[in-house]
Amino acid sequence: MKPINIGLDEKDRKEIAHGLSRLLADTYTLYLQTHNFHWNVTGPQFQTLHLMFEGQYTELAAAVDEIAERIRALGLPAPGTYSEFAELSSIRETRGVPKAEAMIEILVDGQEAVIRTARSVFPAADKAHDEPTADLLTQRMQIHEKTAWMLRSMLS
């Protein structure tokens, strides 16, 4: 493959791509969790939560593609297996089917975990003057902060 010459040195590209791999793993894990809750939510808020979760997992599905493509643009392979995601993700799998309010709490925690991961990658992107990655991270943080706020607003 032709060498990459985008104004970022290899060390910086690798460091940023590793951070983005962690973000990808968190985002994919949150996607799976949200999709699972969409399928399995029950109770008086069923319709509201079912539709809300669908909107959220649809947005997350698009996000994983953007993140993976940024990793590839930096010249590194994007992780793409359950085992890699399990190793890289800060979000732990939820077993069973929690009650609707617990689902919301779990998803708030997941949204906030993704925010923390994105924020942790930002200094490396900023230091390397990697504006495309910084922009991606900023957009992801804005989306997840808003989603966490909306979910949190549903809790009593």
C-alpha atoms as a PDB file:
ATOM      1  CA  MET A   1       0.000   0.000   0.000  1.00  0.00           C
ATOM      2  CA  LYS A   2       1.216   3.504  -0.767  1.00  0.00           C
ATOM      3  CA  PRO A   3       2.567   5.331   2.312  1.00  0.00           C
ATOM      4  CA  ILE A   4       0.236   7.791   4.020  1.00  0.00           C
ATOM      5  CA  ASN A   5       1.265  11.435   3.845  1.00  0.00           C
ATOM      6  CA  ILE A   6      -1.556  13.483   5.405  1.00  0.00           C
ATOM      7  CA  GLY A   7       0.530  15.703   7.660  1.00  0.00           C
ATOM      8  CA  LEU A   8       0.293  13.436  10.719  1.00  0.00           C
ATOM      9  CA  ASP A   9       3.238  11.286  11.720  1.00  0.00           C
ATOM     10  CA  GLU A  10       2.806   7.549  12.157  1.00  0.00           C
ATOM     11  CA  LYS A  11       3.119   7.661  15.948  1.00  0.00           C
ATOM     12  CA  ASP A  12       0.311  10.227  16.235  1.00  0.00           C
ATOM     13  CA  ARG A  13      -1.877   8.353  13.757  1.00  0.00           C
ATOM     14  CA  LYS A  14      -1.462   5.133  15.747  1.00  0.00           C
ATOM     15  CA  GLU A  15      -2.209   6.816  19.084  1.00  0.00           C
ATOM     16  CA  ILE A  16      -5.319   8.518  17.708  1.00  0.00           C
ATOM     17  CA  ALA A  17      -6.510   5.359  15.936  1.00  0.00           C
ATOM     18  CA  HIS A  18      -6.120   3.359  19.154  1.00  0.00           C
ATOM     19  CA  GLY A  19      -8.279   5.896  20.984  1.00  0.00           C
ATOM     20  CA  LEU A  20     -10.823   5.835  18.175  1.00  0.00           C
ATOM     21  CA  SER A  21     -10.849   2.027  18.383  1.00  0.00           C
ATOM     22  CA  ARG A  22     -11.890   2.327  22.023  1.00  0.00           C
ATOM     23  CA  LEU A  23     -14.580   4.832  20.977  1.00  0.00           C
ATOM     24  CA  LEU A  24     -15.736   2.459  18.245  1.00  0.00           C
ATOM     25  CA  ALA A  25     -15.973  -0.408  20.746  1.00  0.00           C
ATOM     26  CA  ASP A  26     -17.956   1.709  23.215  1.00  0.00           C
ATOM     27  CA  THR A  27     -20.258   2.969  20.473  1.00  0.00           C
ATOM     28  CA  TYR A  28     -20.890  -0.511  19.083  1.00  0.00           C
ATOM     29  CA  THR A  29     -21.508  -1.942  22.545  1.00  0.00           C
ATOM     30  CA  LEU A  30     -23.975   0.866  23.289  1.00  0.00           C
ATOM     31  CA  TYR A  31     -25.616   0.220  19.909  1.00  0.00           C
ATOM     32  CA  LEU A  32     -26.146  -3.457  20.787  1.00  0.00           C
ATOM     33  CA  GLN A  33     -27.448  -2.602  24.237  1.00  0.00           C
ATOM     34  CA  THR A  34     -29.866   0.004  22.875  1.00  0.00           C
ATOM     35  CA  HIS A  35     -31.110  -2.346  20.154  1.00  0.00           C
ATOM     36  CA  ASN A  36     -31.604  -5.102  22.732  1.00  0.00           C
ATOM     37  CA  PHE A  37     -33.636  -2.753  24.930  1.00  0.00           C
ATOM     38  CA  HIS A  38     -35.688  -1.627  21.898  1.00  0.00           C
ATOM     39  CA  TRP A  39     -36.674  -5.246  21.294  1.00  0.00           C
ATOM     40  CA  ASN A  40     -37.342  -6.128  24.916  1.00  0.00           C
ATOM     41  CA  VAL A  41     -38.792  -3.060  26.655  1.00  0.00           C
ATOM     42  CA  THR A  42     -42.192  -3.540  28.288  1.00  0.00           C
ATOM     43  CA  GLY A  43     -44.494  -1.558  30.533  1.00  0.00           C
ATOM     44  CA  PRO A  44     -46.546   1.621  30.416  1.00  0.00           C
ATOM     45  CA  GLN A  45     -43.804   3.545  28.580  1.00  0.00           C
ATOM     46  CA  PHE A  46     -43.416   0.841  25.936  1.00  0.00           C
ATOM     47  CA  GLN A  47     -44.363   2.891  22.874  1.00  0.00           C
ATOM     48  CA  THR A  48     -42.328   5.943  23.884  1.00  0.00           C
ATOM     49  CA  LEU A  49     -39.218   3.951  24.801  1.00  0.00           C
ATOM     50  CA  HIS A  50     -39.493   1.551  21.871  1.00  0.00           C
ATOM     51  CA  LEU A  51     -39.459   4.476  19.421  1.00  0.00           C
ATOM     52  CA  MET A  52     -36.833   6.445  21.364  1.00  0.00           C
ATOM     53  CA  PHE A  53     -34.480   3.462  21.499  1.00  0.00           C
ATOM     54  CA  GLU A  54     -34.980   2.871  17.763  1.00  0.00           C
ATOM     55  CA  GLY A  55     -33.915   6.429  16.986  1.00  0.00           C
ATOM     56  CA  GLN A  56     -30.907   6.043  19.247  1.00  0.00           C
ATOM     57  CA  TYR A  57     -29.674   2.727  17.849  1.00  0.00           C
ATOM     58  CA  THR A  58     -30.157   3.994  14.295  1.00  0.00           C
ATOM     59  CA  GLU A  59     -27.951   7.013  15.053  1.00  0.00           C
ATOM     60  CA  LEU A  60     -25.358   4.759  16.726  1.00  0.00           C
ATOM     61  CA  ALA A  61     -25.282   2.446  13.687  1.00  0.00           C
ATOM     62  CA  ALA A  62     -24.316   5.387  11.480  1.00  0.00           C
ATOM     63  CA  ALA A  63     -21.749   6.538  14.053  1.00  0.00           C
ATOM     64  CA  VAL A  64     -19.852   3.242  14.125  1.00  0.00           C
ATOM     65  CA  ASP A  65     -19.334   3.532  10.384  1.00  0.00           C
ATOM     66  CA  GLU A  66     -18.008   7.108  10.673  1.00  0.00           C
ATOM     67  CA  ILE A  67     -15.618   6.155  13.468  1.00  0.00           C
ATOM     68  CA  ALA A  68     -14.350   3.038  11.680  1.00  0.00           C
ATOM     69  CA  GLU A  69     -13.815   4.984   8.467  1.00  0.00           C
ATOM     70  CA  ARG A  70     -11.794   7.630  10.338  1.00  0.00           C
ATOM     71  CA  ILE A  71      -9.562   4.872  11.746  1.00  0.00           C
ATOM     72  CA  ARG A  72      -9.057   3.569   8.212  1.00  0.00           C
ATOM     73  CA  ALA A  73      -8.302   7.076   6.904  1.00  0.00           C
ATOM     74  CA  LEU A  74      -5.530   7.225   9.515  1.00  0.00           C
ATOM     75  CA  GLY A  75      -4.102   4.060   7.941  1.00  0.00           C
ATOM     76  CA  LEU A  76      -4.927   1.494  10.601  1.00  0.00           C
ATOM     77  CA  PRO A  77      -7.362  -1.410  10.654  1.00  0.00           C
ATOM     78  CA  ALA A  78     -10.637  -0.853  12.494  1.00  0.00           C
ATOM     79  CA  PRO A  79     -11.577  -3.491  15.062  1.00  0.00           C
ATOM     80  CA  GLY A  80     -14.682  -5.361  14.032  1.00  0.00           C
ATOM     81  CA  THR A  81     -15.213  -8.472  16.145  1.00  0.00           C
ATOM     82  CA  TYR A  82     -17.125  -9.039  19.356  1.00  0.00           C
ATOM     83  CA  SER A  83     -13.949 -10.181  21.091  1.00  0.00           C
ATOM     84  CA  GLU A  84     -12.053  -7.030  20.076  1.00  0.00           C
ATOM     85  CA  PHE A  85     -14.961  -4.828  21.155  1.00  0.00           C
ATOM     86  CA  ALA A  86     -15.208  -6.662  24.489  1.00  0.00           C
ATOM     87  CA  GLU A  87     -11.506  -6.029  25.135  1.00  0.00           C
ATOM     88  CA  LEU A  88     -11.621  -2.371  24.106  1.00  0.00           C
ATOM     89  CA  SER A  89     -14.994  -1.240  25.476  1.00  0.00           C
ATOM     90  CA  SER A  90     -15.483   0.438  28.835  1.00  0.00           C
ATOM     91  CA  ILE A  91     -19.181  -0.550  28.698  1.00  0.00           C
ATOM     92  CA  ARG A  92     -20.054  -3.933  30.149  1.00  0.00           C
ATOM     93  CA  GLU A  93     -22.776  -6.118  28.720  1.00  0.00           C
ATOM     94  CA  THR A  94     -26.132  -6.202  30.492  1.00  0.00           C
ATOM     95  CA  ARG A  95     -27.494  -9.703  30.870  1.00  0.00           C
ATOM     96  CA  GLY A  96     -31.171 -10.475  31.093  1.00  0.00           C
ATOM     97  CA  VAL A  97     -34.011  -8.026  30.557  1.00  0.00           C
ATOM     98  CA  PRO A  98     -34.075  -5.181  33.061  1.00  0.00           C
ATOM     99  CA  LYS A  99     -37.219  -3.210  33.804  1.00  0.00           C
ATOM    100  CA  ALA A 100     -37.816  -0.119  31.650  1.00  0.00           C
ATOM    101  CA  GLU A 101     -36.491   2.401  34.188  1.00  0.00           C
ATOM    102  CA  ALA A 102     -33.337   0.325  34.708  1.00  0.00           C
ATOM    103  CA  MET A 103     -32.876   0.238  30.919  1.00  0.00           C
ATOM    104  CA  ILE A 104     -32.938   4.030  30.876  1.00  0.00           C
ATOM    105  CA  GLU A 105     -30.404   4.220  33.712  1.00  0.00           C
ATOM    106  CA  ILE A 106     -28.118   1.720  31.951  1.00  0.00           C
ATOM    107  CA  LEU A 107     -28.308   3.697  28.724  1.00  0.00           C
ATOM    108  CA  VAL A 108     -27.529   6.978  30.521  1.00  0.00           C
ATOM    109  CA  ASP A 109     -24.426   5.295  31.940  1.00  0.00           C
ATOM    110  CA  GLY A 110     -23.523   4.015  28.468  1.00  0.00           C
ATOM    111  CA  GLN A 111     -23.965   7.409  26.839  1.00  0.00           C
ATOM    112  CA  GLU A 112     -21.782   8.996  29.515  1.00  0.00           C
ATOM    113  CA  ALA A 113     -19.123   6.288  29.062  1.00  0.00           C
ATOM    114  CA  VAL A 114     -18.941   7.077  25.346  1.00  0.00           C
ATOM    115  CA  ILE A 115     -18.577  10.778  26.170  1.00  0.00           C
ATOM    116  CA  ARG A 116     -15.695  10.061  28.549  1.00  0.00           C
ATOM    117  CA  THR A 117     -13.956   7.893  25.953  1.00  0.00           C
ATOM    118  CA  ALA A 118     -14.358  10.527  23.232  1.00  0.00           C
ATOM    119  CA  ARG A 119     -13.066  13.205  25.600  1.00  0.00           C
ATOM    120  CA  SER A 120     -10.035  11.039  26.449  1.00  0.00           C
ATOM    121  CA  VAL A 121      -9.027  10.829  22.768  1.00  0.00           C
ATOM    122  CA  PHE A 122      -9.359  14.562  22.170  1.00  0.00           C
ATOM    123  CA  PRO A 123      -5.957  15.641  23.609  1.00  0.00           C
ATOM    124  CA  ALA A 124      -4.040  13.365  21.199  1.00  0.00           C
ATOM    125  CA  ALA A 125      -6.036  14.652  18.223  1.00  0.00           C
ATOM    126  CA  ASP A 126      -5.592  18.249  19.362  1.00  0.00           C
ATOM    127  CA  LYS A 127      -1.849  17.860  19.970  1.00  0.00           C
ATOM    128  CA  ALA A 128      -1.371  16.379  16.482  1.00  0.00           C
ATOM    129  CA  HIS A 129      -3.554  19.064  14.853  1.00  0.00           C
ATOM    130  CA  ASP A 130      -5.863  16.323  13.578  1.00  0.00           C
ATOM    131  CA  GLU A 131      -8.890  18.529  12.963  1.00  0.00           C
ATOM    132  CA  PRO A 132     -11.023  15.863  11.239  1.00  0.00           C
ATOM    133  CA  THR A 133     -10.745  13.589  14.287  1.00  0.00           C
ATOM    134  CA  ALA A 134     -11.291  16.513  16.685  1.00  0.00           C
ATOM    135  CA  ASP A 135     -14.432  17.441  14.726  1.00  0.00           C
ATOM    136  CA  LEU A 136     -15.696  13.855  14.839  1.00  0.00           C
ATOM    137  CA  LEU A 137     -15.074  13.686  18.585  1.00  0.00           C
ATOM    138  CA  THR A 138     -16.821  17.012  19.190  1.00  0.00           C
ATOM    139  CA  GLN A 139     -19.864  15.888  17.209  1.00  0.00           C
ATOM    140  CA  ARG A 140     -20.006  12.570  19.059  1.00  0.00           C
ATOM    141  CA  MET A 141     -19.762  14.275  22.461  1.00  0.00           C
ATOM    142  CA  GLN A 142     -22.569  16.702  21.562  1.00  0.00           C
ATOM    143  CA  ILE A 143     -24.867  13.906  20.404  1.00  0.00           C
ATOM    144  CA  HIS A 144     -24.183  11.701  23.438  1.00  0.00           C
ATOM    145  CA  GLU A 145     -24.521  14.566  25.921  1.00  0.00           C
ATOM    146  CA  LYS A 146     -27.922  15.473  24.453  1.00  0.00           C
ATOM    147  CA  THR A 147     -29.066  11.843  24.408  1.00  0.00           C
ATOM    148  CA  ALA A 148     -27.934  11.316  28.020  1.00  0.00           C
ATOM    149  CA  TRP A 149     -29.836  14.448  29.056  1.00  0.00           C
ATOM    150  CA  MET A 150     -33.004  13.269  27.284  1.00  0.00           C
ATOM    151  CA  LEU A 151     -32.790   9.812  28.859  1.00  0.00           C
ATOM    152  CA  ARG A 152     -32.003  11.280  32.292  1.00  0.00           C
ATOM    153  CA  SER A 153     -35.113  13.497  31.965  1.00  0.00           C
ATOM    154  CA  MET A 154     -37.271  10.378  31.800  1.00  0.00           C
ATOM    155  CA  LEU A 155     -36.129   9.124  35.197  1.00  0.00           C
ATOM    156  CA  SER A 156     -38.197   9.915  38.279  1.00  0.00           C
END
